[in-house]
């Protein structure tokens, strides 16, 4: 399984809203991420669904390390 396939699989979540946000991000932005940003995005996928959705919607402020990638996620 390639890296993109693995990430795509990890983006399948239990919340439809989060699935839609992550799918849109993968289609619009993922290919433009550098290696460090991809690693951070992969780490973000370890977050619980509700926390990740709240970060994507701006209801929860991410840790400083994740801010740039979360901002990209919010812009999709």
PDB file of N, CA and C in Angstrom:
ATOM      1  N   UNK A   1       0.861  -1.179   0.000  1.00  0.00           N
ATOM      2  CA  UNK A   1       0.000   0.000   0.000  1.00  0.00           C
ATOM      3  C   UNK A   1       0.904   1.238   0.000  1.00  0.00           C
ATOM      4  N   UNK A   2       0.646   2.155  -0.911  1.00  0.00           N
ATOM      5  CA  UNK A   2       1.422   3.377  -0.995  1.00  0.00           C
ATOM      6  C   UNK A   2       1.071   4.345   0.119  1.00  0.00           C
ATOM      7  N   UNK A   3       1.904   5.366   0.259  1.00  0.00           N
ATOM      8  CA  UNK A   3       1.708   6.354   1.318  1.00  0.00           C
ATOM      9  C   UNK A   3       0.357   7.054   1.201  1.00  0.00           C
ATOM     10  N   UNK A   4       0.004   7.467  -0.003  1.00  0.00           N
ATOM     11  CA  UNK A   4      -1.280   8.152  -0.193  1.00  0.00           C
ATOM     12  C   UNK A   4      -2.445   7.219   0.108  1.00  0.00           C
ATOM     13  N   UNK A   5      -2.341   5.970  -0.291  1.00  0.00           N
ATOM     14  CA  UNK A   5      -3.405   5.003   0.008  1.00  0.00           C
ATOM     15  C   UNK A   5      -3.555   4.804   1.513  1.00  0.00           C
ATOM     16  N   UNK A   6      -2.441   4.745   2.213  1.00  0.00           N
ATOM     17  CA  UNK A   6      -2.475   4.573   3.676  1.00  0.00           C
ATOM     18  C   UNK A   6      -3.125   5.788   4.330  1.00  0.00           C
ATOM     19  N   UNK A   7      -2.758   6.976   3.888  1.00  0.00           N
ATOM     20  CA  UNK A   7      -3.352   8.200   4.433  1.00  0.00           C
ATOM     21  C   UNK A   7      -4.841   8.248   4.106  1.00  0.00           C
ATOM     22  N   UNK A   8      -5.185   7.924   2.882  1.00  0.00           N
ATOM     23  CA  UNK A   8      -6.600   7.926   2.482  1.00  0.00           C
ATOM     24  C   UNK A   8      -7.412   6.978   3.378  1.00  0.00           C
ATOM     25  N   UNK A   9      -6.850   5.822   3.654  1.00  0.00           N
ATOM     26  CA  UNK A   9      -7.523   4.848   4.520  1.00  0.00           C
ATOM     27  C   UNK A   9      -7.676   5.412   5.939  1.00  0.00           C
ATOM     28  N   UNK A  10      -6.645   6.088   6.449  1.00  0.00           N
ATOM     29  CA  UNK A  10      -6.698   6.666   7.798  1.00  0.00           C
ATOM     30  C   UNK A  10      -7.686   7.821   7.881  1.00  0.00           C
ATOM     31  N   UNK A  11      -8.009   8.426   6.748  1.00  0.00           N
ATOM     32  CA  UNK A  11      -8.955   9.547   6.731  1.00  0.00           C
ATOM     33  C   UNK A  11     -10.405   9.075   6.798  1.00  0.00           C
ATOM     34  N   UNK A  12     -10.644   7.809   6.693  1.00  0.00           N
ATOM     35  CA  UNK A  12     -12.002   7.279   6.828  1.00  0.00           C
ATOM     36  C   UNK A  12     -12.319   7.214   8.314  1.00  0.00           C
ATOM     37  N   UNK A  13     -13.233   8.066   8.747  1.00  0.00           N
ATOM     38  CA  UNK A  13     -13.514   8.214  10.167  1.00  0.00           C
ATOM     39  C   UNK A  13     -14.952   7.826  10.478  1.00  0.00           C
ATOM     40  N   UNK A  14     -15.317   7.990  11.738  1.00  0.00           N
ATOM     41  CA  UNK A  14     -16.659   7.639  12.179  1.00  0.00           C
ATOM     42  C   UNK A  14     -17.666   8.771  12.063  1.00  0.00           C
ATOM     43  N   UNK A  15     -17.204   9.956  11.717  1.00  0.00           N
ATOM     44  CA  UNK A  15     -18.101  11.115  11.580  1.00  0.00           C
ATOM     45  C   UNK A  15     -18.157  11.536  10.114  1.00  0.00           C
ATOM     46  N   UNK A  16     -19.340  11.572   9.551  1.00  0.00           N
ATOM     47  CA  UNK A  16     -19.495  11.939   8.149  1.00  0.00           C
ATOM     48  C   UNK A  16     -18.899  13.315   7.864  1.00  0.00           C
ATOM     49  N   UNK A  17     -19.159  14.274   8.756  1.00  0.00           N
ATOM     50  CA  UNK A  17     -18.650  15.628   8.544  1.00  0.00           C
ATOM     51  C   UNK A  17     -17.129  15.638   8.449  1.00  0.00           C
ATOM     52  N   UNK A  18     -16.484  14.874   9.310  1.00  0.00           N
ATOM     53  CA  UNK A  18     -15.027  14.797   9.302  1.00  0.00           C
ATOM     54  C   UNK A  18     -14.539  14.085   8.044  1.00  0.00           C
ATOM     55  N   UNK A  19     -15.226  13.031   7.648  1.00  0.00           N
ATOM     56  CA  UNK A  19     -14.873  12.346   6.397  1.00  0.00           C
ATOM     57  C   UNK A  19     -14.878  13.321   5.228  1.00  0.00           C
ATOM     58  N   UNK A  20     -15.872  14.170   5.171  1.00  0.00           N
ATOM     59  CA  UNK A  20     -15.995  15.120   4.067  1.00  0.00           C
ATOM     60  C   UNK A  20     -14.875  16.158   4.096  1.00  0.00           C
ATOM     61  N   UNK A  21     -14.553  16.658   5.274  1.00  0.00           N
ATOM     62  CA  UNK A  21     -13.470  17.640   5.414  1.00  0.00           C
ATOM     63  C   UNK A  21     -12.146  17.016   4.983  1.00  0.00           C
ATOM     64  N   UNK A  22     -11.868  15.821   5.465  1.00  0.00           N
ATOM     65  CA  UNK A  22     -10.596  15.167   5.157  1.00  0.00           C
ATOM     66  C   UNK A  22     -10.508  14.787   3.680  1.00  0.00           C
ATOM     67  N   UNK A  23     -11.600  14.320   3.109  1.00  0.00           N
ATOM     68  CA  UNK A  23     -11.616  13.975   1.679  1.00  0.00           C
ATOM     69  C   UNK A  23     -11.316  15.206   0.835  1.00  0.00           C
ATOM     70  N   UNK A  24     -11.949  16.315   1.176  1.00  0.00           N
ATOM     71  CA  UNK A  24     -11.720  17.561   0.447  1.00  0.00           C
ATOM     72  C   UNK A  24     -10.261  17.992   0.572  1.00  0.00           C
ATOM     73  N   UNK A  25      -9.702  17.884   1.775  1.00  0.00           N
ATOM     74  CA  UNK A  25      -8.308  18.241   2.000  1.00  0.00           C
ATOM     75  C   UNK A  25      -7.384  17.369   1.153  1.00  0.00           C
ATOM     76  N   UNK A  26      -7.641  16.079   1.128  1.00  0.00           N
ATOM     77  CA  UNK A  26      -6.798  15.185   0.336  1.00  0.00           C
ATOM     78  C   UNK A  26      -6.842  15.544  -1.144  1.00  0.00           C
ATOM     79  N   UNK A  27      -8.012  15.865  -1.630  1.00  0.00           N
ATOM     80  CA  UNK A  27      -8.162  16.188  -3.052  1.00  0.00           C
ATOM     81  C   UNK A  27      -7.545  17.532  -3.415  1.00  0.00           C
ATOM     82  N   UNK A  28      -7.626  18.511  -2.518  1.00  0.00           N
ATOM     83  CA  UNK A  28      -7.196  19.871  -2.852  1.00  0.00           C
ATOM     84  C   UNK A  28      -5.793  20.240  -2.404  1.00  0.00           C
ATOM     85  N   UNK A  29      -5.340  19.689  -1.282  1.00  0.00           N
ATOM     86  CA  UNK A  29      -4.116  20.207  -0.676  1.00  0.00           C
ATOM     87  C   UNK A  29      -3.010  19.182  -0.424  1.00  0.00           C
ATOM     88  N   UNK A  30      -3.365  17.933  -0.221  1.00  0.00           N
ATOM     89  CA  UNK A  30      -2.379  16.964   0.255  1.00  0.00           C
ATOM     90  C   UNK A  30      -1.156  16.876  -0.652  1.00  0.00           C
ATOM     91  N   UNK A  31      -1.343  16.902  -1.948  1.00  0.00           N
ATOM     92  CA  UNK A  31      -0.221  16.753  -2.870  1.00  0.00           C
ATOM     93  C   UNK A  31       0.758  17.926  -2.810  1.00  0.00           C
ATOM     94  N   UNK A  32       0.343  19.047  -2.202  1.00  0.00           N
ATOM     95  CA  UNK A  32       1.220  20.210  -2.087  1.00  0.00           C
ATOM     96  C   UNK A  32       1.961  20.275  -0.748  1.00  0.00           C
ATOM     97  N   UNK A  33       1.701  19.332   0.145  1.00  0.00           N
ATOM     98  CA  UNK A  33       2.381  19.310   1.436  1.00  0.00           C
ATOM     99  C   UNK A  33       3.810  18.815   1.271  1.00  0.00           C
ATOM    100  N   UNK A  34       4.722  19.410   2.025  1.00  0.00           N
ATOM    101  CA  UNK A  34       6.084  18.881   2.030  1.00  0.00           C
ATOM    102  C   UNK A  34       6.141  17.700   3.006  1.00  0.00           C
ATOM    103  N   UNK A  35       7.287  17.070   3.095  1.00  0.00           N
ATOM    104  CA  UNK A  35       7.429  15.863   3.921  1.00  0.00           C
ATOM    105  C   UNK A  35       7.105  16.125   5.389  1.00  0.00           C
ATOM    106  N   UNK A  36       7.551  17.253   5.927  1.00  0.00           N
ATOM    107  CA  UNK A  36       7.281  17.575   7.334  1.00  0.00           C
ATOM    108  C   UNK A  36       5.789  17.802   7.561  1.00  0.00           C
ATOM    109  N   UNK A  37       5.141  18.487   6.639  1.00  0.00           N
ATOM    110  CA  UNK A  37       3.699  18.735   6.768  1.00  0.00           C
ATOM    111  C   UNK A  37       2.909  17.437   6.650  1.00  0.00           C
ATOM    112  N   UNK A  38       3.350  16.543   5.791  1.00  0.00           N
ATOM    113  CA  UNK A  38       2.679  15.237   5.669  1.00  0.00           C
ATOM    114  C   UNK A  38       2.807  14.439   6.965  1.00  0.00           C
ATOM    115  N   UNK A  39       3.964  14.518   7.579  1.00  0.00           N
ATOM    116  CA  UNK A  39       4.172  13.830   8.854  1.00  0.00           C
ATOM    117  C   UNK A  39       3.250  14.412   9.932  1.00  0.00           C
ATOM    118  N   UNK A  40       3.129  15.720   9.972  1.00  0.00           N
ATOM    119  CA  UNK A  40       2.248  16.373  10.942  1.00  0.00           C
ATOM    120  C   UNK A  40       0.803  15.990  10.677  1.00  0.00           C
ATOM    121  N   UNK A  41       0.387  15.972   9.419  1.00  0.00           N
ATOM    122  CA  UNK A  41      -0.976  15.565   9.085  1.00  0.00           C
ATOM    123  C   UNK A  41      -1.225  14.127   9.541  1.00  0.00           C
ATOM    124  N   UNK A  42      -0.262  13.263   9.318  1.00  0.00           N
ATOM    125  CA  UNK A  42      -0.380  11.875   9.754  1.00  0.00           C
ATOM    126  C   UNK A  42      -0.545  11.803  11.272  1.00  0.00           C
ATOM    127  N   UNK A  43       0.194  12.625  12.001  1.00  0.00           N
ATOM    128  CA  UNK A  43       0.057  12.674  13.464  1.00  0.00           C
ATOM    129  C   UNK A  43      -1.325  13.183  13.857  1.00  0.00           C
ATOM    130  N   UNK A  44      -1.835  14.171  13.139  1.00  0.00           N
ATOM    131  CA  UNK A  44      -3.171  14.700  13.435  1.00  0.00           C
ATOM    132  C   UNK A  44      -4.239  13.616  13.316  1.00  0.00           C
ATOM    133  N   UNK A  45      -4.020  12.677  12.413  1.00  0.00           N
ATOM    134  CA  UNK A  45      -4.992  11.608  12.229  1.00  0.00           C
ATOM    135  C   UNK A  45      -5.063  10.661  13.422  1.00  0.00           C
ATOM    136  N   UNK A  46      -4.131  10.796  14.366  1.00  0.00           N
ATOM    137  CA  UNK A  46      -4.189  10.013  15.603  1.00  0.00           C
ATOM    138  C   UNK A  46      -5.173  10.618  16.608  1.00  0.00           C
ATOM    139  N   UNK A  47      -5.586  11.853  16.372  1.00  0.00           N
ATOM    140  CA  UNK A  47      -6.504  12.538  17.293  1.00  0.00           C
ATOM    141  C   UNK A  47      -7.890  11.888  17.231  1.00  0.00           C
ATOM    142  N   UNK A  48      -8.617  11.927  18.338  1.00  0.00           N
ATOM    143  CA  UNK A  48     -10.001  11.437  18.319  1.00  0.00           C
ATOM    144  C   UNK A  48     -10.832  12.218  17.296  1.00  0.00           C
ATOM    145  N   UNK A  49     -11.805  11.556  16.726  1.00  0.00           N
ATOM    146  CA  UNK A  49     -12.639  12.163  15.683  1.00  0.00           C
ATOM    147  C   UNK A  49     -13.205  13.518  16.089  1.00  0.00           C
ATOM    148  N   UNK A  50     -13.798  13.599  17.261  1.00  0.00           N
ATOM    149  CA  UNK A  50     -14.437  14.850  17.677  1.00  0.00           C
ATOM    150  C   UNK A  50     -13.415  15.983  17.829  1.00  0.00           C
ATOM    151  N   UNK A  51     -12.246  15.674  18.357  1.00  0.00           N
ATOM    152  CA  UNK A  51     -11.205  16.692  18.493  1.00  0.00           C
ATOM    153  C   UNK A  51     -10.714  17.163  17.128  1.00  0.00           C
ATOM    154  N   UNK A  52     -10.505  16.224  16.221  1.00  0.00           N
ATOM    155  CA  UNK A  52     -10.029  16.578  14.892  1.00  0.00           C
ATOM    156  C   UNK A  52     -11.069  17.416  14.147  1.00  0.00           C
ATOM    157  N   UNK A  53     -12.328  17.060  14.260  1.00  0.00           N
ATOM    158  CA  UNK A  53     -13.383  17.846  13.632  1.00  0.00           C
ATOM    159  C   UNK A  53     -13.442  19.239  14.247  1.00  0.00           C
ATOM    160  N   UNK A  54     -13.344  19.330  15.564  1.00  0.00           N
ATOM    161  CA  UNK A  54     -13.361  20.637  16.227  1.00  0.00           C
ATOM    162  C   UNK A  54     -12.184  21.504  15.795  1.00  0.00           C
ATOM    163  N   UNK A  55     -11.022  20.904  15.616  1.00  0.00           N
ATOM    164  CA  UNK A  55      -9.880  21.674  15.119  1.00  0.00           C
ATOM    165  C   UNK A  55     -10.141  22.155  13.694  1.00  0.00           C
ATOM    166  N   UNK A  56     -10.658  21.274  12.853  1.00  0.00           N
ATOM    167  CA  UNK A  56     -10.924  21.625  11.454  1.00  0.00           C
ATOM    168  C   UNK A  56     -11.968  22.732  11.337  1.00  0.00           C
ATOM    169  N   UNK A  57     -12.904  22.757  12.266  1.00  0.00           N
ATOM    170  CA  UNK A  57     -13.977  23.759  12.217  1.00  0.00           C
ATOM    171  C   UNK A  57     -13.652  25.014  13.025  1.00  0.00           C
ATOM    172  N   UNK A  58     -12.495  25.033  13.662  1.00  0.00           N
ATOM    173  CA  UNK A  58     -12.079  26.209  14.415  1.00  0.00           C
ATOM    174  C   UNK A  58     -12.678  26.307  15.804  1.00  0.00           C
ATOM    175  N   UNK A  59     -13.253  25.239  16.291  1.00  0.00           N
ATOM    176  CA  UNK A  59     -13.834  25.240  17.631  1.00  0.00           C
ATOM    177  C   UNK A  59     -12.825  24.827  18.699  1.00  0.00           C
ATOM    178  N   UNK A  60     -11.689  24.298  18.270  1.00  0.00           N
ATOM    179  CA  UNK A  60     -10.632  23.856  19.178  1.00  0.00           C
ATOM    180  C   UNK A  60      -9.308  24.302  18.572  1.00  0.00           C
ATOM    181  N   UNK A  61      -8.507  24.974  19.372  1.00  0.00           N
ATOM    182  CA  UNK A  61      -7.212  25.456  18.887  1.00  0.00           C
ATOM    183  C   UNK A  61      -6.189  24.325  18.984  1.00  0.00           C
ATOM    184  N   UNK A  62      -5.498  24.016  17.890  1.00  0.00           N
ATOM    185  CA  UNK A  62      -4.509  22.927  17.922  1.00  0.00           C
ATOM    186  C   UNK A  62      -3.236  23.352  18.639  1.00  0.00           C
ATOM    187  N   UNK A  63      -2.425  22.384  18.991  1.00  0.00           N
ATOM    188  CA  UNK A  63      -1.106  22.663  19.541  1.00  0.00           C
ATOM    189  C   UNK A  63      -0.317  23.450  18.501  1.00  0.00           C
ATOM    190  N   UNK A  64       0.621  24.280  18.940  1.00  0.00           N
ATOM    191  CA  UNK A  64       1.385  25.101  17.991  1.00  0.00           C
ATOM    192  C   UNK A  64       2.011  24.311  16.842  1.00  0.00           C
ATOM    193  N   UNK A  65       2.488  23.132  17.123  1.00  0.00           N
ATOM    194  CA  UNK A  65       3.122  22.287  16.099  1.00  0.00           C
ATOM    195  C   UNK A  65       2.178  21.980  14.936  1.00  0.00           C
ATOM    196  N   UNK A  66       0.883  21.910  15.205  1.00  0.00           N
ATOM    197  CA  UNK A  66      -0.097  21.506  14.193  1.00  0.00           C
ATOM    198  C   UNK A  66      -0.800  22.683  13.514  1.00  0.00           C
ATOM    199  N   UNK A  67      -0.561  23.884  13.982  1.00  0.00           N
ATOM    200  CA  UNK A  67      -1.347  25.044  13.518  1.00  0.00           C
ATOM    201  C   UNK A  67      -1.331  25.256  12.014  1.00  0.00           C
ATOM    202  N   UNK A  68      -0.178  25.181  11.384  1.00  0.00           N
ATOM    203  CA  UNK A  68      -0.096  25.454   9.941  1.00  0.00           C
ATOM    204  C   UNK A  68      -0.904  24.435   9.138  1.00  0.00           C
ATOM    205  N   UNK A  69      -0.802  23.169   9.489  1.00  0.00           N
ATOM    206  CA  UNK A  69      -1.540  22.137   8.757  1.00  0.00           C
ATOM    207  C   UNK A  69      -3.026  22.240   9.046  1.00  0.00           C
ATOM    208  N   UNK A  70      -3.394  22.524  10.283  1.00  0.00           N
ATOM    209  CA  UNK A  70      -4.809  22.687  10.607  1.00  0.00           C
ATOM    210  C   UNK A  70      -5.383  23.899   9.865  1.00  0.00           C
ATOM    211  N   UNK A  71      -4.589  24.958   9.736  1.00  0.00           N
ATOM    212  CA  UNK A  71      -5.060  26.121   8.980  1.00  0.00           C
ATOM    213  C   UNK A  71      -5.336  25.747   7.527  1.00  0.00           C
ATOM    214  N   UNK A  72      -4.490  24.911   6.951  1.00  0.00           N
ATOM    215  CA  UNK A  72      -4.737  24.417   5.581  1.00  0.00           C
ATOM    216  C   UNK A  72      -6.007  23.583   5.523  1.00  0.00           C
ATOM    217  N   UNK A  73      -6.208  22.781   6.552  1.00  0.00           N
ATOM    218  CA  UNK A  73      -7.407  21.949   6.646  1.00  0.00           C
ATOM    219  C   UNK A  73      -8.652  22.831   6.711  1.00  0.00           C
ATOM    220  N   UNK A  74      -8.573  23.911   7.465  1.00  0.00           N
ATOM    221  CA  UNK A  74      -9.705  24.836   7.596  1.00  0.00           C
ATOM    222  C   UNK A  74      -9.989  25.576   6.308  1.00  0.00           C
ATOM    223  N   UNK A  75      -8.986  25.775   5.473  1.00  0.00           N
ATOM    224  CA  UNK A  75      -9.170  26.572   4.259  1.00  0.00           C
ATOM    225  C   UNK A  75      -9.817  25.801   3.121  1.00  0.00           C
ATOM    226  N   UNK A  76     -10.000  24.510   3.292  1.00  0.00           N
ATOM    227  CA  UNK A  76     -10.604  23.709   2.214  1.00  0.00           C
ATOM    228  C   UNK A  76     -12.112  23.828   2.201  1.00  0.00           C
TER     229      UNK A  76
END
